Every structure is written in C-alpha cells, then in structure tokens.
C-alpha cells in the first residue's frame, strides 16, 4: 500500500502562485510515476501533470502548459506542483496520484493507482 498526503493549497489572487506538495509513504515510491489531477464539483477528475520515476520526463495538460511545473524529490518521497499565473478557473480540488507503470513515463499503461485526499486551491479574481 501507498499513502499520499497533499499540502500547500489555499486562497490566492489571480496572477499569483502556489506550490503544492505530496508526501508518499509505504512502498518505494521512487519506483512509481507520480502526478496531479484536479476535480471540480460535479465533474470528472482531470489530469493536470505527471512525472516519471527519475523526474527527467514530464507531461502536462494543455490548460496548464507554461504555467505549472511538476517536480519530485525521491530522497523525500515528495512530488511538487508549482502553480504560476493562477487563474480563477484553476479553482478546484487538486489530488496527488501515484501508480506503477509498464514503462517509465506517466502516460504508460499502469496498475495500482493510489490517490491522496486532495487539497483545495481557490483563486480570486
């Protein structure tokens, strides 16, 4: 089993920045890819960003490319999401995820996906 705990959410003005953190415990998550999703009320959970095991390969949703940066520190079992130039439409709950993939990239087929409990991000206009 893997446990994920997010932090760093909060209230920020449009144009501002936040950094989300997600600490993993349990199995050796340095062997897992990690990612971030978001989910607004009444909508499906959507992919935001993903990072491979080494941290050298990243993937982003089109809506956040150029604004958000995902990174990881395997020594700390932590993945980060730096959110810049935030917009009111970025307001939602953000979830950390980790999974075992066939290849070392986020978009590879996977098994055993794990979720954190979520952290709220609110961007005021």
Protein backbone atom coordinates (compact mmCIF):
# COMPACT_ATOMS: atom_id res chain seq x y z
CA UNK A 1 0.00 0.00 0.00
CA UNK A 2 0.96 3.63 -0.59
CA UNK A 3 -0.31 6.62 1.35
CA UNK A 4 -0.26 10.13 -0.13
CA UNK A 5 -0.72 13.38 1.81
CA UNK A 6 -1.08 16.69 -0.02
CA UNK A 7 -0.49 20.17 1.35
CA UNK A 8 0.01 23.70 0.12
CA UNK A 9 -3.43 24.59 -1.11
CA UNK A 10 -5.14 27.81 -0.15
CA UNK A 11 -6.51 31.13 -1.33
CA UNK A 12 -4.52 33.25 -3.77
CA UNK A 13 -5.27 36.18 -6.04
CA UNK A 14 -5.33 35.80 -9.80
CA UNK A 15 -1.81 36.01 -11.20
CA UNK A 16 -0.32 34.64 -8.01
CA UNK A 17 1.49 31.39 -7.29
CA UNK A 18 1.19 28.36 -5.04
CA UNK A 19 3.28 25.25 -4.53
CA UNK A 20 1.52 22.01 -3.73
CA UNK A 21 3.40 19.18 -2.07
CA UNK A 22 2.56 15.49 -1.80
CA UNK A 23 4.46 13.21 0.54
CA UNK A 24 4.28 9.49 -0.14
CA UNK A 25 4.81 6.68 2.33
CA UNK A 26 4.56 2.93 2.20
CA UNK A 27 6.11 1.17 -0.73
CA UNK A 28 9.17 2.51 -2.51
CA UNK A 29 7.51 5.28 -4.48
CA UNK A 30 10.75 6.21 -6.23
CA UNK A 31 9.83 3.28 -8.48
CA UNK A 32 6.38 4.79 -9.23
CA UNK A 33 5.43 7.63 -11.55
CA UNK A 34 3.59 10.47 -9.84
CA UNK A 35 1.08 13.03 -10.95
CA UNK A 36 -1.54 15.64 -10.13
CA UNK A 37 -5.21 15.73 -11.03
CA UNK A 38 -7.99 18.20 -10.33
CA UNK A 39 -11.70 17.73 -9.84
CA UNK A 40 -14.37 20.41 -9.76
CA UNK A 41 -17.78 19.69 -8.17
CA UNK A 42 -19.95 17.60 -10.45
CA UNK A 43 -17.14 16.95 -12.92
CA UNK A 44 -14.78 14.08 -13.59
CA UNK A 45 -11.26 14.09 -12.23
CA UNK A 46 -8.90 15.56 -14.84
CA UNK A 47 -5.21 15.07 -15.45
CA UNK A 48 -3.01 18.10 -14.71
CA UNK A 49 0.62 16.94 -14.75
CA UNK A 50 2.70 13.77 -14.50
CA UNK A 51 6.36 12.94 -13.90
CA UNK A 52 8.35 9.79 -14.45
CA UNK A 53 10.35 7.89 -11.84
CA UNK A 54 13.62 9.74 -12.38
CA UNK A 55 11.99 13.15 -12.71
CA UNK A 56 13.50 13.72 -16.14
CA UNK A 57 10.27 13.36 -18.11
CA UNK A 58 7.13 15.38 -17.51
CA UNK A 59 3.71 15.69 -19.13
CA UNK A 60 1.09 18.43 -18.79
CA UNK A 61 -2.50 19.15 -19.67
CA UNK A 62 -2.75 21.83 -22.35
CA UNK A 63 -4.55 24.14 -19.93
CA UNK A 64 -1.53 24.38 -17.62
CA UNK A 65 1.42 24.16 -20.01
CA UNK A 66 3.80 27.05 -19.45
CA UNK A 67 2.22 27.90 -16.07
CA UNK A 68 2.59 24.80 -13.88
CA UNK A 69 5.75 22.82 -13.16
CA UNK A 70 5.81 19.33 -11.68
CA UNK A 71 8.93 18.04 -9.95
CA UNK A 72 9.87 15.35 -7.47
CA UNK A 73 12.46 14.66 -4.79
CA UNK A 74 12.84 10.91 -4.41
CA UNK A 75 15.01 11.31 -1.31
CA UNK A 76 12.00 12.92 0.37
CA UNK A 77 9.34 10.75 -1.35
CA UNK A 78 7.72 14.02 -2.40
CA UNK A 79 6.20 15.39 -5.59
CA UNK A 80 5.55 19.10 -6.07
CA UNK A 81 3.32 21.19 -8.30
CA UNK A 82 4.42 24.76 -8.75
CA UNK A 83 1.41 26.74 -9.96
CA UNK A 84 2.19 30.12 -11.52
CA UNK A 85 -0.01 32.76 -13.18
CA UNK A 86 -3.05 31.28 -11.48
CA UNK A 87 -6.48 31.98 -12.93
CA UNK A 88 -9.92 31.84 -11.29
CA UNK A 89 -10.70 28.81 -13.46
CA UNK A 90 -7.86 26.93 -11.70
CA UNK A 91 -10.06 26.91 -8.59
CA UNK A 92 -10.75 23.31 -7.64
CA UNK A 93 -9.50 20.43 -5.51
CA UNK A 94 -6.11 19.02 -6.53
CA UNK A 95 -5.24 15.38 -5.95
CA UNK A 96 -1.87 13.68 -5.94
CA UNK A 97 -1.61 10.27 -7.59
CA UNK A 98 1.00 7.58 -7.97
CA UNK A 99 1.00 4.38 -9.97
CA UNK A 100 3.11 1.53 -11.24
CA UNK A 101 3.59 1.83 -14.99
CA UNK A 102 4.79 -0.58 -17.64
CA UNK A 103 7.29 2.00 -18.94
CA UNK A 104 8.97 4.85 -17.11
CA UNK A 105 6.59 7.58 -18.20
CA UNK A 106 3.32 8.93 -16.81
CA UNK A 107 1.21 8.01 -19.84
CA UNK A 108 2.27 4.34 -19.87
CA UNK A 109 -0.30 1.61 -19.02
CA UNK A 110 -0.43 1.16 -15.27
CA UNK A 111 -1.67 -0.82 -12.31
CA UNK A 112 -2.23 0.01 -8.65
CA UNK A 113 -3.13 3.68 -8.82
CA UNK A 114 -3.22 5.47 -5.46
CA UNK A 115 -4.82 8.82 -4.54
CA UNK A 116 -4.26 11.45 -1.90
CA UNK A 117 -7.13 13.10 -0.03
CA UNK A 118 -6.97 16.34 -2.03
CA UNK A 119 -6.13 19.96 -1.29
CA UNK A 120 -8.32 22.93 -2.17
CA UNK A 121 -6.97 25.73 -4.35
CA UNK A 122 -9.05 28.89 -4.64
CA UNK A 123 -8.06 31.71 -6.99
CA UNK A 124 -9.87 35.01 -6.52
CA UNK A 125 -10.36 37.48 -9.35
